[in-house]
Structure formats: C-alpha cells, structure tokens
Amino acid sequence: MICRLEGNKVVGVKQTVKAIKNNAAKTVYIAKDADDKLIQSVKVLVDENSQSVLYIDTMKELGKLCGIDVGAATAAVLND
C-alpha cells in the first residue's frame, strides 16, 4: 500500500487532463468509486497516450494519498 504520492503531482480531473495533454504525467491515479461520466475524459486520454494507470479503491483514499482532506477522483504524478 502506498502511503503518499511522492514527487510533483496534480489533483483533480481538470488538472490531470491538462498534465496528460502536455505529456507531463508519469503515472495517473483514478478512484474506482468516482462517477464514470466525470472521469471518462481521463480514461480516454490515458488510452490514447498509453499512460501508466493505477486504480485506487475510493476517492477518499486517493485524497489522503495526495495529502488533501477531501476526496479526489483523479490525480497524476508529474515527470521530473
């Protein structure tokens, strides 16, 4: 189990999409319980760009991994 996402990261669907489009995302994290309509754009971009994806069980857990007190649908660790 990962305790915290290391390195520079972005949190949220809009920021994750932006990072993928700019080829800045190394690994994308998606919460399994996030609304599918909300994360569809991220899934499409991940497939198109062959990004590394890790699925986290809940939005709350992903938020904790990102160091925030609220849930997060998606996040991305950025390239160095």
C-alpha atoms as a PDB file:
ATOM      1  CA  MET A   1       0.000   0.000   0.000  1.00  0.00           C
ATOM      2  CA  ILE A   2       1.253   3.437  -0.932  1.00  0.00           C
ATOM      3  CA  CYS A   3       1.194   5.929   1.972  1.00  0.00           C
ATOM      4  CA  ARG A   4       1.693   9.122  -0.017  1.00  0.00           C
ATOM      5  CA  LEU A   5       2.245  10.065  -3.636  1.00  0.00           C
ATOM      6  CA  GLU A   6       5.862  11.187  -3.975  1.00  0.00           C
ATOM      7  CA  GLY A   7       7.083  13.978  -6.221  1.00  0.00           C
ATOM      8  CA  ASN A   8       5.250  16.756  -8.007  1.00  0.00           C
ATOM      9  CA  LYS A   9       1.605  15.954  -8.560  1.00  0.00           C
ATOM     10  CA  VAL A  10      -1.685  17.406  -9.702  1.00  0.00           C
ATOM     11  CA  VAL A  11      -5.060  16.557  -8.211  1.00  0.00           C
ATOM     12  CA  GLY A  12      -8.460  16.610  -9.894  1.00  0.00           C
ATOM     13  CA  VAL A  13      -9.870  15.790 -13.293  1.00  0.00           C
ATOM     14  CA  LYS A  14      -9.120  19.130 -14.989  1.00  0.00           C
ATOM     15  CA  GLN A  15      -5.516  19.244 -13.801  1.00  0.00           C
ATOM     16  CA  THR A  16      -4.955  15.573 -14.659  1.00  0.00           C
ATOM     17  CA  VAL A  17      -6.312  16.076 -18.190  1.00  0.00           C
ATOM     18  CA  LYS A  18      -4.072  19.116 -18.616  1.00  0.00           C
ATOM     19  CA  ALA A  19      -0.997  17.172 -17.435  1.00  0.00           C
ATOM     20  CA  ILE A  20      -1.720  14.259 -19.809  1.00  0.00           C
ATOM     21  CA  LYS A  21      -2.260  16.590 -22.771  1.00  0.00           C
ATOM     22  CA  ASN A  22       1.065  18.320 -22.017  1.00  0.00           C
ATOM     23  CA  ASN A  23       2.856  14.952 -21.756  1.00  0.00           C
ATOM     24  CA  ALA A  24       3.766  15.873 -18.177  1.00  0.00           C
ATOM     25  CA  ALA A  25       2.058  12.948 -16.399  1.00  0.00           C
ATOM     26  CA  LYS A  26       4.177   9.951 -15.455  1.00  0.00           C
ATOM     27  CA  THR A  27       1.501   7.954 -13.599  1.00  0.00           C
ATOM     28  CA  VAL A  28      -2.247   8.575 -13.428  1.00  0.00           C
ATOM     29  CA  TYR A  29      -4.335   7.553 -10.419  1.00  0.00           C
ATOM     30  CA  ILE A  30      -8.092   7.009 -10.734  1.00  0.00           C
ATOM     31  CA  ALA A  31     -10.541   6.324  -7.904  1.00  0.00           C
ATOM     32  CA  LYS A  32     -12.690   3.263  -8.614  1.00  0.00           C
ATOM     33  CA  ASP A  33     -15.760   4.842  -6.984  1.00  0.00           C
ATOM     34  CA  ALA A  34     -15.592   8.100  -8.985  1.00  0.00           C
ATOM     35  CA  ASP A  35     -18.533   8.915 -11.260  1.00  0.00           C
ATOM     36  CA  ASP A  36     -17.781   7.386 -14.662  1.00  0.00           C
ATOM     37  CA  LYS A  37     -19.032  10.478 -16.521  1.00  0.00           C
ATOM     38  CA  LEU A  38     -16.604  12.592 -14.517  1.00  0.00           C
ATOM     39  CA  ILE A  39     -13.506  10.506 -15.261  1.00  0.00           C
ATOM     40  CA  GLN A  40     -14.346   9.454 -18.826  1.00  0.00           C
ATOM     41  CA  SER A  41     -12.152  12.174 -20.351  1.00  0.00           C
ATOM     42  CA  VAL A  42      -9.176  10.987 -18.295  1.00  0.00           C
ATOM     43  CA  LYS A  43      -9.721   7.350 -19.299  1.00  0.00           C
ATOM     44  CA  VAL A  44      -9.858   8.275 -22.999  1.00  0.00           C
ATOM     45  CA  LEU A  45      -6.643  10.310 -22.807  1.00  0.00           C
ATOM     46  CA  VAL A  46      -4.886   7.555 -20.854  1.00  0.00           C
ATOM     47  CA  ASP A  47      -5.797   5.033 -23.559  1.00  0.00           C
ATOM     48  CA  GLU A  48      -4.681   7.358 -26.360  1.00  0.00           C
ATOM     49  CA  ASN A  49      -1.364   8.211 -24.699  1.00  0.00           C
ATOM     50  CA  SER A  50      -0.581   4.773 -23.206  1.00  0.00           C
ATOM     51  CA  GLN A  51      -0.160   6.256 -19.733  1.00  0.00           C
ATOM     52  CA  SER A  52       0.584   4.162 -16.659  1.00  0.00           C
ATOM     53  CA  VAL A  53      -2.624   3.929 -14.589  1.00  0.00           C
ATOM     54  CA  LEU A  54      -3.210   2.806 -11.022  1.00  0.00           C
ATOM     55  CA  TYR A  55      -6.707   2.370  -9.632  1.00  0.00           C
ATOM     56  CA  ILE A  56      -7.370   3.332  -6.004  1.00  0.00           C
ATOM     57  CA  ASP A  57     -10.438   1.897  -4.210  1.00  0.00           C
ATOM     58  CA  THR A  58     -12.063   5.142  -3.042  1.00  0.00           C
ATOM     59  CA  MET A  59     -11.947   8.860  -3.729  1.00  0.00           C
ATOM     60  CA  LYS A  60     -11.332   9.464  -0.022  1.00  0.00           C
ATOM     61  CA  GLU A  61      -8.282   7.180  -0.076  1.00  0.00           C
ATOM     62  CA  LEU A  62      -6.903   8.909  -3.181  1.00  0.00           C
ATOM     63  CA  GLY A  63      -7.377  12.278  -1.481  1.00  0.00           C
ATOM     64  CA  LYS A  64      -5.381  11.062   1.518  1.00  0.00           C
ATOM     65  CA  LEU A  65      -2.621   9.783  -0.787  1.00  0.00           C
ATOM     66  CA  CYS A  66      -2.453  13.270  -2.281  1.00  0.00           C
ATOM     67  CA  GLY A  67      -2.268  14.906   1.142  1.00  0.00           C
ATOM     68  CA  ILE A  68      -5.654  16.628   0.993  1.00  0.00           C
ATOM     69  CA  ASP A  69      -8.624  16.368   3.362  1.00  0.00           C
ATOM     70  CA  VAL A  70     -11.244  15.742   0.664  1.00  0.00           C
ATOM     71  CA  GLY A  71     -11.762  13.018  -1.902  1.00  0.00           C
ATOM     72  CA  ALA A  72     -10.198  13.120  -5.341  1.00  0.00           C
ATOM     73  CA  ALA A  73     -11.465  11.406  -8.494  1.00  0.00           C
ATOM     74  CA  THR A  74      -8.103  11.531 -10.283  1.00  0.00           C
ATOM     75  CA  ALA A  75      -4.515  12.577  -9.710  1.00  0.00           C
ATOM     76  CA  ALA A  76      -1.259  12.396 -11.616  1.00  0.00           C
ATOM     77  CA  VAL A  77       2.392  12.265 -10.629  1.00  0.00           C
ATOM     78  CA  LEU A  78       4.365  14.505 -12.945  1.00  0.00           C
ATOM     79  CA  ASN A  79       7.588  13.778 -14.800  1.00  0.00           C
ATOM     80  CA  ASP A  80      10.722  15.061 -13.095  1.00  0.00           C
END
